[in-house]
């Protein structure tokens, strides 16, 4: 019996020089994009594949097209352990 292939990992790049902090991405995919302070955009550069639809909507909603979405070619690096 065939099984569905696993979802591809996503990689996200935001051109922060182009971004004007309109926040449409935050509304479209709040689990991936968020503001730190009033205008500094933070985002998960390797979002869960299950958020693909929301991330695609966020990229399409960006008025300055600052969001690029691609298929991962390498696994995401692990977060470094904090110094004790």
Protein backbone atom coordinates (compact mmCIF):
# COMPACT_ATOMS: atom_id res chain seq x y z
CA UNK A 1 0.00 0.00 0.00
CA UNK A 2 1.60 3.36 -1.02
CA UNK A 3 2.12 5.96 1.65
CA UNK A 4 2.20 9.71 1.31
CA UNK A 5 5.71 11.11 1.10
CA UNK A 6 6.78 13.11 4.13
CA UNK A 7 6.23 16.86 3.77
CA UNK A 8 9.25 18.75 2.55
CA UNK A 9 11.04 20.96 5.01
CA UNK A 10 10.65 24.66 4.34
CA UNK A 11 13.20 27.42 4.48
CA UNK A 12 12.12 31.00 4.85
CA UNK A 13 14.09 34.13 4.07
CA UNK A 14 12.85 37.64 4.69
CA UNK A 15 14.66 40.54 3.06
CA UNK A 16 14.73 42.81 6.11
CA UNK A 17 16.03 45.70 3.98
CA UNK A 18 12.89 45.48 1.87
CA UNK A 19 10.47 44.76 4.75
CA UNK A 20 8.47 47.82 5.80
CA UNK A 21 6.84 46.20 8.88
CA UNK A 22 3.31 46.25 7.50
CA UNK A 23 2.66 43.08 9.51
CA UNK A 24 0.53 41.23 6.98
CA UNK A 25 2.72 38.15 7.51
CA UNK A 26 2.09 38.27 11.27
CA UNK A 27 -1.67 38.16 10.65
CA UNK A 28 -1.41 35.41 8.01
CA UNK A 29 0.99 33.11 9.92
CA UNK A 30 1.26 34.16 13.58
CA UNK A 31 3.03 30.95 14.60
CA UNK A 32 5.87 31.75 12.19
CA UNK A 33 6.09 35.57 12.14
CA UNK A 34 5.98 37.99 15.09
CA UNK A 35 7.07 41.48 15.98
CA UNK A 36 9.69 42.09 18.62
CA UNK A 37 8.99 45.55 19.92
CA UNK A 38 7.18 47.90 17.60
CA UNK A 39 8.78 47.17 14.24
CA UNK A 40 11.46 44.44 14.46
CA UNK A 41 10.22 41.37 12.63
CA UNK A 42 11.21 37.95 13.96
CA UNK A 43 10.43 34.73 12.14
CA UNK A 44 11.10 31.02 12.18
CA UNK A 45 13.43 30.42 9.23
CA UNK A 46 12.65 26.68 9.27
CA UNK A 47 8.91 26.52 9.99
CA UNK A 48 7.02 23.29 10.49
CA UNK A 49 5.91 21.86 7.13
CA UNK A 50 2.36 21.84 8.47
CA UNK A 51 2.36 25.65 8.33
CA UNK A 52 3.12 25.74 4.61
CA UNK A 53 -0.30 27.07 3.58
CA UNK A 54 -0.13 29.91 6.14
CA UNK A 55 3.45 30.77 5.12
CA UNK A 56 2.46 30.85 1.45
CA UNK A 57 -0.43 33.19 2.33
CA UNK A 58 1.95 35.39 4.30
CA UNK A 59 4.38 35.61 1.38
CA UNK A 60 1.54 36.46 -1.01
CA UNK A 61 0.17 39.10 1.39
CA UNK A 62 3.48 40.94 1.76
CA UNK A 63 2.99 44.27 -0.05
CA UNK A 64 6.72 44.58 -0.81
CA UNK A 65 7.30 40.88 -1.57
CA UNK A 66 10.06 40.59 1.06
CA UNK A 67 9.33 36.94 1.92
CA UNK A 68 10.97 34.09 0.01
CA UNK A 69 9.93 30.49 0.58
CA UNK A 70 12.05 27.57 -0.59
CA UNK A 71 12.42 23.85 -0.17
CA UNK A 72 15.13 22.86 2.29
CA UNK A 73 18.25 21.33 0.80
CA UNK A 74 19.85 20.65 4.18
CA UNK A 75 18.41 19.89 7.60
CA UNK A 76 17.94 22.87 9.90
CA UNK A 77 20.77 23.30 12.41
CA UNK A 78 20.01 22.50 16.01
CA UNK A 79 19.72 25.38 18.41
CA UNK A 80 22.95 25.79 20.39
CA UNK A 81 22.82 24.84 24.03
CA UNK A 82 22.97 27.78 26.38
CA UNK A 83 26.15 28.30 28.35
CA UNK A 84 25.81 27.33 31.97
